[in-house]
Amino acid sequence: SVQFGKKGIPYLNTYDGRTIRYPDPLIKANDTIRL
């Protein structure tokens, strides 16, 4: 999922429990990131 946290900070959650802040705005749910 991609969400907004406190103070409007965007972050995404991955399938393995990671939370990454300020992702690329084009990334949406079900996409795959290379970490």
PDB file of all heavy atoms in Angstrom:
ATOM      1  N   SER A   1       0.839  -1.198   0.000  1.00  0.00           N
ATOM      2  CA  SER A   1       0.000   0.000   0.000  1.00  0.00           C
ATOM      3  C   SER A   1       0.873   1.246   0.000  1.00  0.00           C
ATOM      4  O   SER A   1       2.031   1.203   0.404  1.00  0.00           O
ATOM      5  CB  SER A   1      -0.903   0.011   1.239  1.00  0.00           C
ATOM      6  OG  SER A   1      -0.104   0.115   2.399  1.00  0.00           O
ATOM      7  N   VAL A   2       0.300   2.342  -0.470  1.00  0.00           N
ATOM      8  CA  VAL A   2       0.978   3.641  -0.432  1.00  0.00           C
ATOM      9  C   VAL A   2       0.065   4.589   0.339  1.00  0.00           C
ATOM     10  O   VAL A   2      -1.125   4.703   0.016  1.00  0.00           O
ATOM     11  CB  VAL A   2       1.233   4.183  -1.859  1.00  0.00           C
ATOM     12  CG1 VAL A   2       1.972   5.511  -1.801  1.00  0.00           C
ATOM     13  CG2 VAL A   2       2.028   3.192  -2.687  1.00  0.00           C
ATOM     14  N   GLN A   3       0.606   5.241   1.374  1.00  0.00           N
ATOM     15  CA  GLN A   3      -0.222   6.086   2.240  1.00  0.00           C
ATOM     16  C   GLN A   3       0.497   7.379   2.609  1.00  0.00           C
ATOM     17  O   GLN A   3       1.674   7.551   2.290  1.00  0.00           O
ATOM     18  CB  GLN A   3      -0.567   5.317   3.522  1.00  0.00           C
ATOM     19  CG  GLN A   3      -1.488   4.140   3.267  1.00  0.00           C
ATOM     20  CD  GLN A   3      -1.470   3.175   4.435  1.00  0.00           C
ATOM     21  OE1 GLN A   3      -0.432   2.909   5.014  1.00  0.00           O
ATOM     22  NE2 GLN A   3      -2.626   2.648   4.772  1.00  0.00           N
ATOM     23  N   PHE A   4      -0.229   8.245   3.302  1.00  0.00           N
ATOM     24  CA  PHE A   4       0.369   9.470   3.836  1.00  0.00           C
ATOM     25  C   PHE A   4       0.397   9.384   5.344  1.00  0.00           C
ATOM     26  O   PHE A   4      -0.600   9.020   5.977  1.00  0.00           O
ATOM     27  CB  PHE A   4      -0.439  10.695   3.401  1.00  0.00           C
ATOM     28  CG  PHE A   4      -0.280  11.002   1.942  1.00  0.00           C
ATOM     29  CD1 PHE A   4      -1.211  10.544   1.020  1.00  0.00           C
ATOM     30  CD2 PHE A   4       0.806  11.714   1.483  1.00  0.00           C
ATOM     31  CE1 PHE A   4      -1.061  10.806  -0.332  1.00  0.00           C
ATOM     32  CE2 PHE A   4       0.968  11.988   0.134  1.00  0.00           C
ATOM     33  CZ  PHE A   4       0.036  11.527  -0.770  1.00  0.00           C
ATOM     34  N   GLY A   5       1.531   9.718   5.939  1.00  0.00           N
ATOM     35  CA  GLY A   5       1.657   9.670   7.397  1.00  0.00           C
ATOM     36  C   GLY A   5       1.466  11.042   8.002  1.00  0.00           C
ATOM     37  O   GLY A   5       0.835  11.925   7.404  1.00  0.00           O
ATOM     38  N   LYS A   6       2.026  11.258   9.177  1.00  0.00           N
ATOM     39  CA  LYS A   6       1.927  12.542   9.864  1.00  0.00           C
ATOM     40  C   LYS A   6       2.587  13.637   9.024  1.00  0.00           C
ATOM     41  O   LYS A   6       3.604  13.385   8.373  1.00  0.00           O
ATOM     42  CB  LYS A   6       2.613  12.474  11.219  1.00  0.00           C
ATOM     43  CG  LYS A   6       1.725  11.874  12.307  1.00  0.00           C
ATOM     44  CD  LYS A   6       2.379  11.995  13.646  1.00  0.00           C
ATOM     45  CE  LYS A   6       1.477  11.385  14.720  1.00  0.00           C
ATOM     46  NZ  LYS A   6       2.150  11.328  16.010  1.00  0.00           N
ATOM     47  N   LYS A   7       1.993  14.824   9.056  1.00  0.00           N
ATOM     48  CA  LYS A   7       2.511  15.982   8.310  1.00  0.00           C
ATOM     49  C   LYS A   7       2.555  15.712   6.804  1.00  0.00           C
ATOM     50  O   LYS A   7       3.376  16.279   6.084  1.00  0.00           O
ATOM     51  CB  LYS A   7       3.899  16.384   8.823  1.00  0.00           C
ATOM     52  CG  LYS A   7       3.879  16.811  10.282  1.00  0.00           C
ATOM     53  CD  LYS A   7       5.217  17.286  10.751  1.00  0.00           C
ATOM     54  CE  LYS A   7       5.129  17.677  12.222  1.00  0.00           C
ATOM     55  NZ  LYS A   7       6.444  17.852  12.812  1.00  0.00           N
ATOM     56  N   GLY A   8       1.706  14.789   6.356  1.00  0.00           N
ATOM     57  CA  GLY A   8       1.581  14.532   4.919  1.00  0.00           C
ATOM     58  C   GLY A   8       2.786  13.874   4.279  1.00  0.00           C
ATOM     59  O   GLY A   8       3.022  14.019   3.088  1.00  0.00           O
ATOM     60  N   ILE A   9       3.566  13.107   5.089  1.00  0.00           N
ATOM     61  CA  ILE A   9       4.743  12.427   4.529  1.00  0.00           C
ATOM     62  C   ILE A   9       4.292  11.141   3.839  1.00  0.00           C
ATOM     63  O   ILE A   9       3.703  10.273   4.484  1.00  0.00           O
ATOM     64  CB  ILE A   9       5.774  12.114   5.646  1.00  0.00           C
ATOM     65  CG1 ILE A   9       6.374  13.411   6.175  1.00  0.00           C
ATOM     66  CG2 ILE A   9       6.873  11.195   5.113  1.00  0.00           C
ATOM     67  CD1 ILE A   9       7.252  13.246   7.383  1.00  0.00           C
ATOM     68  N   PRO A  10       4.557  10.996   2.541  1.00  0.00           N
ATOM     69  CA  PRO A  10       4.138   9.758   1.858  1.00  0.00           C
ATOM     70  C   PRO A  10       5.067   8.599   2.225  1.00  0.00           C
ATOM     71  O   PRO A  10       6.264   8.783   2.411  1.00  0.00           O
ATOM     72  CB  PRO A  10       4.265  10.107   0.371  1.00  0.00           C
ATOM     73  CG  PRO A  10       5.271  11.203   0.319  1.00  0.00           C
ATOM     74  CD  PRO A  10       5.225  11.930   1.632  1.00  0.00           C
ATOM     75  N   TYR A  11       4.484   7.411   2.349  1.00  0.00           N
ATOM     76  CA  TYR A  11       5.304   6.216   2.599  1.00  0.00           C
ATOM     77  C   TYR A  11       4.621   5.013   1.975  1.00  0.00           C
ATOM     78  O   TYR A  11       3.428   5.050   1.666  1.00  0.00           O
ATOM     79  CB  TYR A  11       5.532   5.995   4.099  1.00  0.00           C
ATOM     80  CG  TYR A  11       4.296   5.628   4.880  1.00  0.00           C
ATOM     81  CD1 TYR A  11       3.952   4.287   5.076  1.00  0.00           C
ATOM     82  CD2 TYR A  11       3.456   6.593   5.452  1.00  0.00           C
ATOM     83  CE1 TYR A  11       2.825   3.927   5.796  1.00  0.00           C
ATOM     84  CE2 TYR A  11       2.337   6.248   6.169  1.00  0.00           C
ATOM     85  CZ  TYR A  11       2.022   4.919   6.344  1.00  0.00           C
ATOM     86  OH  TYR A  11       0.897   4.557   7.047  1.00  0.00           O
ATOM     87  N   LEU A  12       5.426   3.950   1.755  1.00  0.00           N
ATOM     88  CA  LEU A  12       4.820   2.729   1.221  1.00  0.00           C
ATOM     89  C   LEU A  12       5.167   1.551   2.125  1.00  0.00           C
ATOM     90  O   LEU A  12       6.181   1.564   2.825  1.00  0.00           O
ATOM     91  CB  LEU A  12       5.260   2.468  -0.226  1.00  0.00           C
ATOM     92  CG  LEU A  12       6.742   2.315  -0.582  1.00  0.00           C
ATOM     93  CD1 LEU A  12       7.243   0.925  -0.252  1.00  0.00           C
ATOM     94  CD2 LEU A  12       6.924   2.547  -2.076  1.00  0.00           C
ATOM     95  N   ASN A  13       4.272   0.556   2.123  1.00  0.00           N
ATOM     96  CA  ASN A  13       4.506  -0.686   2.856  1.00  0.00           C
ATOM     97  C   ASN A  13       4.776  -1.787   1.854  1.00  0.00           C
ATOM     98  O   ASN A  13       4.107  -1.870   0.828  1.00  0.00           O
ATOM     99  CB  ASN A  13       3.278  -1.089   3.674  1.00  0.00           C
ATOM    100  CG  ASN A  13       2.967  -0.080   4.739  1.00  0.00           C
ATOM    101  OD1 ASN A  13       1.944   0.576   4.667  1.00  0.00           O
ATOM    102  ND2 ASN A  13       3.838   0.081   5.709  1.00  0.00           N
ATOM    103  N   THR A  14       5.754  -2.649   2.166  1.00  0.00           N
ATOM    104  CA  THR A  14       6.062  -3.749   1.270  1.00  0.00           C
ATOM    105  C   THR A  14       5.548  -5.059   1.855  1.00  0.00           C
ATOM    106  O   THR A  14       5.185  -5.125   3.030  1.00  0.00           O
ATOM    107  CB  THR A  14       7.580  -3.869   1.034  1.00  0.00           C
ATOM    108  OG1 THR A  14       8.195  -4.207   2.274  1.00  0.00           O
ATOM    109  CG2 THR A  14       8.159  -2.570   0.505  1.00  0.00           C
ATOM    110  N   TYR A  15       5.599  -6.109   1.036  1.00  0.00           N
ATOM    111  CA  TYR A  15       5.091  -7.425   1.450  1.00  0.00           C
ATOM    112  C   TYR A  15       5.902  -8.023   2.593  1.00  0.00           C
ATOM    113  O   TYR A  15       5.439  -8.908   3.292  1.00  0.00           O
ATOM    114  CB  TYR A  15       5.124  -8.377   0.238  1.00  0.00           C
ATOM    115  CG  TYR A  15       6.497  -8.959  -0.028  1.00  0.00           C
ATOM    116  CD1 TYR A  15       6.754 -10.296   0.211  1.00  0.00           C
ATOM    117  CD2 TYR A  15       7.561  -8.163  -0.460  1.00  0.00           C
ATOM    118  CE1 TYR A  15       8.009 -10.828   0.000  1.00  0.00           C
ATOM    119  CE2 TYR A  15       8.807  -8.675  -0.666  1.00  0.00           C
ATOM    120  CZ  TYR A  15       9.033 -10.013  -0.429  1.00  0.00           C
ATOM    121  OH  TYR A  15      10.286 -10.547  -0.612  1.00  0.00           O
ATOM    122  N   ASP A  16       7.154  -7.541   2.789  1.00  0.00           N
ATOM    123  CA  ASP A  16       7.981  -8.104   3.870  1.00  0.00           C
ATOM    124  C   ASP A  16       8.100  -7.149   5.048  1.00  0.00           C
ATOM    125  O   ASP A  16       9.107  -7.128   5.753  1.00  0.00           O
ATOM    126  CB  ASP A  16       9.367  -8.511   3.339  1.00  0.00           C
ATOM    127  CG  ASP A  16      10.113  -7.335   2.722  1.00  0.00           C
ATOM    128  OD1 ASP A  16       9.482  -6.282   2.525  1.00  0.00           O
ATOM    129  OD2 ASP A  16      11.324  -7.477   2.442  1.00  0.00           O
ATOM    130  N   GLY A  17       7.056  -6.343   5.263  1.00  0.00           N
ATOM    131  CA  GLY A  17       6.966  -5.550   6.486  1.00  0.00           C
ATOM    132  C   GLY A  17       7.838  -4.307   6.530  1.00  0.00           C
ATOM    133  O   GLY A  17       8.040  -3.739   7.602  1.00  0.00           O
ATOM    134  N   ARG A  18       8.371  -3.863   5.405  1.00  0.00           N
ATOM    135  CA  ARG A  18       9.194  -2.649   5.413  1.00  0.00           C
ATOM    136  C   ARG A  18       8.318  -1.425   5.189  1.00  0.00           C
ATOM    137  O   ARG A  18       7.304  -1.489   4.494  1.00  0.00           O
ATOM    138  CB  ARG A  18      10.234  -2.689   4.280  1.00  0.00           C
ATOM    139  CG  ARG A  18      11.274  -3.749   4.452  1.00  0.00           C
ATOM    140  CD  ARG A  18      12.104  -3.890   3.194  1.00  0.00           C
ATOM    141  NE  ARG A  18      12.912  -5.094   3.236  1.00  0.00           N
ATOM    142  CZ  ARG A  18      14.164  -5.125   3.711  1.00  0.00           C
ATOM    143  NH1 ARG A  18      14.730  -4.029   4.148  1.00  0.00           N
ATOM    144  NH2 ARG A  18      14.835  -6.256   3.745  1.00  0.00           N
ATOM    145  N   THR A  19       8.738  -0.294   5.757  1.00  0.00           N
ATOM    146  CA  THR A  19       8.088   0.979   5.505  1.00  0.00           C
ATOM    147  C   THR A  19       9.142   1.903   4.914  1.00  0.00           C
ATOM    148  O   THR A  19      10.187   2.111   5.534  1.00  0.00           O
ATOM    149  CB  THR A  19       7.543   1.584   6.814  1.00  0.00           C
ATOM    150  OG1 THR A  19       6.623   0.648   7.374  1.00  0.00           O
ATOM    151  CG2 THR A  19       6.838   2.891   6.566  1.00  0.00           C
ATOM    152  N   ILE A  20       8.906   2.426   3.731  1.00  0.00           N
ATOM    153  CA  ILE A  20       9.884   3.289   3.072  1.00  0.00           C
ATOM    154  C   ILE A  20       9.237   4.651   2.827  1.00  0.00           C
ATOM    155  O   ILE A  20       8.159   4.735   2.211  1.00  0.00           O
ATOM    156  CB  ILE A  20      10.362   2.650   1.738  1.00  0.00           C
ATOM    157  CG1 ILE A  20      10.991   1.288   2.027  1.00  0.00           C
ATOM    158  CG2 ILE A  20      11.358   3.552   1.032  1.00  0.00           C
ATOM    159  CD1 ILE A  20      11.210   0.423   0.837  1.00  0.00           C
ATOM    160  N   ARG A  21       9.893   5.715   3.324  1.00  0.00           N
ATOM    161  CA  ARG A  21       9.328   7.072   3.202  1.00  0.00           C
ATOM    162  C   ARG A  21       9.754   7.722   1.893  1.00  0.00           C
ATOM    163  O   ARG A  21      10.769   7.364   1.317  1.00  0.00           O
ATOM    164  CB  ARG A  21       9.810   7.924   4.377  1.00  0.00           C
ATOM    165  CG  ARG A  21       9.387   7.339   5.722  1.00  0.00           C
ATOM    166  CD  ARG A  21      10.069   8.053   6.855  1.00  0.00           C
ATOM    167  NE  ARG A  21       9.495   9.368   7.080  1.00  0.00           N
ATOM    168  CZ  ARG A  21      10.109  10.321   7.789  1.00  0.00           C
ATOM    169  NH1 ARG A  21      11.299  10.109   8.291  1.00  0.00           N
ATOM    170  NH2 ARG A  21       9.520  11.481   7.978  1.00  0.00           N
ATOM    171  N   TYR A  22       8.966   8.683   1.493  1.00  0.00           N
ATOM    172  CA  TYR A  22       9.207   9.464   0.279  1.00  0.00           C
ATOM    173  C   TYR A  22       9.509   8.604  -0.960  1.00  0.00           C
ATOM    174  O   TYR A  22      10.559   8.726  -1.575  1.00  0.00           O
ATOM    175  CB  TYR A  22      10.377  10.445   0.497  1.00  0.00           C
ATOM    176  CG  TYR A  22      10.106  11.454   1.592  1.00  0.00           C
ATOM    177  CD1 TYR A  22      10.803  11.417   2.788  1.00  0.00           C
ATOM    178  CD2 TYR A  22       9.125  12.430   1.418  1.00  0.00           C
ATOM    179  CE1 TYR A  22      10.551  12.327   3.798  1.00  0.00           C
ATOM    180  CE2 TYR A  22       8.864  13.350   2.427  1.00  0.00           C
ATOM    181  CZ  TYR A  22       9.573  13.291   3.608  1.00  0.00           C
ATOM    182  OH  TYR A  22       9.304  14.197   4.610  1.00  0.00           O
ATOM    183  N   PRO A  23       8.586   7.692  -1.322  1.00  0.00           N
ATOM    184  CA  PRO A  23       8.825   6.918  -2.547  1.00  0.00           C
ATOM    185  C   PRO A  23       8.511   7.763  -3.785  1.00  0.00           C
ATOM    186  O   PRO A  23       7.927   8.846  -3.669  1.00  0.00           O
ATOM    187  CB  PRO A  23       7.836   5.758  -2.425  1.00  0.00           C
ATOM    188  CG  PRO A  23       6.714   6.320  -1.615  1.00  0.00           C
ATOM    189  CD  PRO A  23       7.316   7.340  -0.685  1.00  0.00           C
ATOM    190  N   ASP A  24       8.869   7.271  -4.953  1.00  0.00           N
ATOM    191  CA  ASP A  24       8.521   7.929  -6.215  1.00  0.00           C
ATOM    192  C   ASP A  24       6.991   8.001  -6.308  1.00  0.00           C
ATOM    193  O   ASP A  24       6.305   7.005  -6.074  1.00  0.00           O
ATOM    194  CB  ASP A  24       9.080   7.077  -7.375  1.00  0.00           C
ATOM    195  CG  ASP A  24       8.926   7.773  -8.717  1.00  0.00           C
ATOM    196  OD1 ASP A  24       7.804   8.200  -9.024  1.00  0.00           O
ATOM    197  OD2 ASP A  24       9.921   7.865  -9.455  1.00  0.00           O
ATOM    198  N   PRO A  25       6.436   9.194  -6.641  1.00  0.00           N
ATOM    199  CA  PRO A  25       4.957   9.308  -6.665  1.00  0.00           C
ATOM    200  C   PRO A  25       4.275   8.394  -7.682  1.00  0.00           C
ATOM    201  O   PRO A  25       3.070   8.156  -7.604  1.00  0.00           O
ATOM    202  CB  PRO A  25       4.715  10.782  -7.035  1.00  0.00           C
ATOM    203  CG  PRO A  25       6.040  11.410  -7.233  1.00  0.00           C
ATOM    204  CD  PRO A  25       7.116  10.442  -6.916  1.00  0.00           C
ATOM    205  N   LEU A  26       5.048   7.846  -8.654  1.00  0.00           N
ATOM    206  CA  LEU A  26       4.437   6.960  -9.651  1.00  0.00           C
ATOM    207  C   LEU A  26       4.211   5.549  -9.105  1.00  0.00           C
ATOM    208  O   LEU A  26       3.505   4.749  -9.710  1.00  0.00           O
ATOM    209  CB  LEU A  26       5.332   6.873 -10.892  1.00  0.00           C
ATOM    210  CG  LEU A  26       5.502   8.171 -11.690  1.00  0.00           C
ATOM    211  CD1 LEU A  26       6.521   7.997 -12.793  1.00  0.00           C
ATOM    212  CD2 LEU A  26       4.168   8.623 -12.267  1.00  0.00           C
ATOM    213  N   ILE A  27       4.849   5.209  -7.959  1.00  0.00           N
ATOM    214  CA  ILE A  27       4.716   3.855  -7.413  1.00  0.00           C
ATOM    215  C   ILE A  27       3.361   3.705  -6.729  1.00  0.00           C
ATOM    216  O   ILE A  27       2.963   4.545  -5.908  1.00  0.00           O
ATOM    217  CB  ILE A  27       5.854   3.561  -6.405  1.00  0.00           C
ATOM    218  CG1 ILE A  27       7.223   3.672  -7.088  1.00  0.00           C
ATOM    219  CG2 ILE A  27       5.685   2.179  -5.791  1.00  0.00           C
ATOM    220  CD1 ILE A  27       8.407   3.545  -6.146  1.00  0.00           C
ATOM    221  N   LYS A  28       2.661   2.654  -7.091  1.00  0.00           N
ATOM    222  CA  LYS A  28       1.336   2.383  -6.506  1.00  0.00           C
ATOM    223  C   LYS A  28       1.315   0.949  -5.961  1.00  0.00           C
ATOM    224  O   LYS A  28       2.261   0.183  -6.160  1.00  0.00           O
ATOM    225  CB  LYS A  28       0.253   2.529  -7.581  1.00  0.00           C
ATOM    226  CG  LYS A  28       0.141   3.944  -8.155  1.00  0.00           C
ATOM    227  CD  LYS A  28      -0.573   4.879  -7.191  1.00  0.00           C
ATOM    228  CE  LYS A  28      -0.707   6.294  -7.723  1.00  0.00           C
ATOM    229  NZ  LYS A  28       0.434   7.151  -7.484  1.00  0.00           N
ATOM    230  N   ALA A  29       0.201   0.581  -5.293  1.00  0.00           N
ATOM    231  CA  ALA A  29       0.057  -0.777  -4.746  1.00  0.00           C
ATOM    232  C   ALA A  29       0.170  -1.804  -5.872  1.00  0.00           C
ATOM    233  O   ALA A  29      -0.215  -1.530  -7.016  1.00  0.00           O
ATOM    234  CB  ALA A  29      -1.286  -0.920  -4.057  1.00  0.00           C
ATOM    235  N   ASN A  30       0.727  -2.983  -5.548  1.00  0.00           N
ATOM    236  CA  ASN A  30       0.961  -4.117  -6.458  1.00  0.00           C
ATOM    237  C   ASN A  30       2.172  -3.942  -7.385  1.00  0.00           C
ATOM    238  O   ASN A  30       2.568  -4.888  -8.050  1.00  0.00           O
ATOM    239  CB  ASN A  30      -0.269  -4.457  -7.329  1.00  0.00           C
ATOM    240  CG  ASN A  30      -1.409  -4.935  -6.479  1.00  0.00           C
ATOM    241  OD1 ASN A  30      -1.213  -5.717  -5.564  1.00  0.00           O
ATOM    242  ND2 ASN A  30      -2.597  -4.429  -6.738  1.00  0.00           N
ATOM    243  N   ASP A  31       2.757  -2.730  -7.432  1.00  0.00           N
ATOM    244  CA  ASP A  31       3.990  -2.564  -8.212  1.00  0.00           C
ATOM    245  C   ASP A  31       5.123  -3.268  -7.471  1.00  0.00           C
ATOM    246  O   ASP A  31       4.973  -3.658  -6.315  1.00  0.00           O
ATOM    247  CB  ASP A  31       4.344  -1.082  -8.372  1.00  0.00           C
ATOM    248  CG  ASP A  31       3.319  -0.335  -9.224  1.00  0.00           C
ATOM    249  OD1 ASP A  31       2.460  -1.007  -9.817  1.00  0.00           O
ATOM    250  OD2 ASP A  31       3.383   0.906  -9.275  1.00  0.00           O
ATOM    251  N   THR A  32       6.270  -3.401  -8.129  1.00  0.00           N
ATOM    252  CA  THR A  32       7.432  -4.020  -7.494  1.00  0.00           C
ATOM    253  C   THR A  32       8.563  -3.003  -7.454  1.00  0.00           C
ATOM    254  O   THR A  32       8.810  -2.315  -8.448  1.00  0.00           O
ATOM    255  CB  THR A  32       7.869  -5.268  -8.288  1.00  0.00           C
ATOM    256  OG1 THR A  32       6.858  -6.263  -8.147  1.00  0.00           O
ATOM    257  CG2 THR A  32       9.168  -5.838  -7.755  1.00  0.00           C
ATOM    258  N   ILE A  33       9.232  -2.905  -6.296  1.00  0.00           N
ATOM    259  CA  ILE A  33      10.390  -2.015  -6.204  1.00  0.00           C
ATOM    260  C   ILE A  33      11.653  -2.853  -6.094  1.00  0.00           C
ATOM    261  O   ILE A  33      11.628  -3.973  -5.592  1.00  0.00           O
ATOM    262  CB  ILE A  33      10.286  -1.050  -4.995  1.00  0.00           C
ATOM    263  CG1 ILE A  33      10.170  -1.822  -3.680  1.00  0.00           C
ATOM    264  CG2 ILE A  33       9.141  -0.082  -5.165  1.00  0.00           C
ATOM    265  CD1 ILE A  33      10.321  -0.990  -2.445  1.00  0.00           C
ATOM    266  N   ARG A  34      12.751  -2.295  -6.593  1.00  0.00           N
ATOM    267  CA  ARG A  34      14.052  -2.944  -6.447  1.00  0.00           C
ATOM    268  C   ARG A  34      14.756  -2.223  -5.308  1.00  0.00           C
ATOM    269  O   ARG A  34      15.054  -1.036  -5.405  1.00  0.00           O
ATOM    270  CB  ARG A  34      14.833  -2.816  -7.749  1.00  0.00           C
ATOM    271  CG  ARG A  34      16.225  -3.366  -7.660  1.00  0.00           C
ATOM    272  CD  ARG A  34      16.821  -3.416  -9.054  1.00  0.00           C
ATOM    273  NE  ARG A  34      18.254  -3.536  -8.996  1.00  0.00           N
ATOM    274  CZ  ARG A  34      19.001  -3.933 -10.008  1.00  0.00           C
ATOM    275  NH1 ARG A  34      18.434  -4.241 -11.140  1.00  0.00           N
ATOM    276  NH2 ARG A  34      20.298  -4.019  -9.901  1.00  0.00           N
ATOM    277  N   LEU A  35      14.987  -2.955  -4.218  1.00  0.00           N
ATOM    278  CA  LEU A  35      15.504  -2.343  -2.991  1.00  0.00           C
ATOM    279  C   LEU A  35      16.989  -2.649  -2.836  1.00  0.00           C
ATOM    280  O   LEU A  35      17.387  -3.814  -2.883  1.00  0.00           O
ATOM    281  CB  LEU A  35      14.727  -2.899  -1.792  1.00  0.00           C
ATOM    282  CG  LEU A  35      14.980  -2.216  -0.454  1.00  0.00           C
ATOM    283  CD1 LEU A  35      14.209  -0.924  -0.364  1.00  0.00           C
ATOM    284  CD2 LEU A  35      14.585  -3.130   0.684  1.00  0.00           C
TER     285      LEU A  35
END
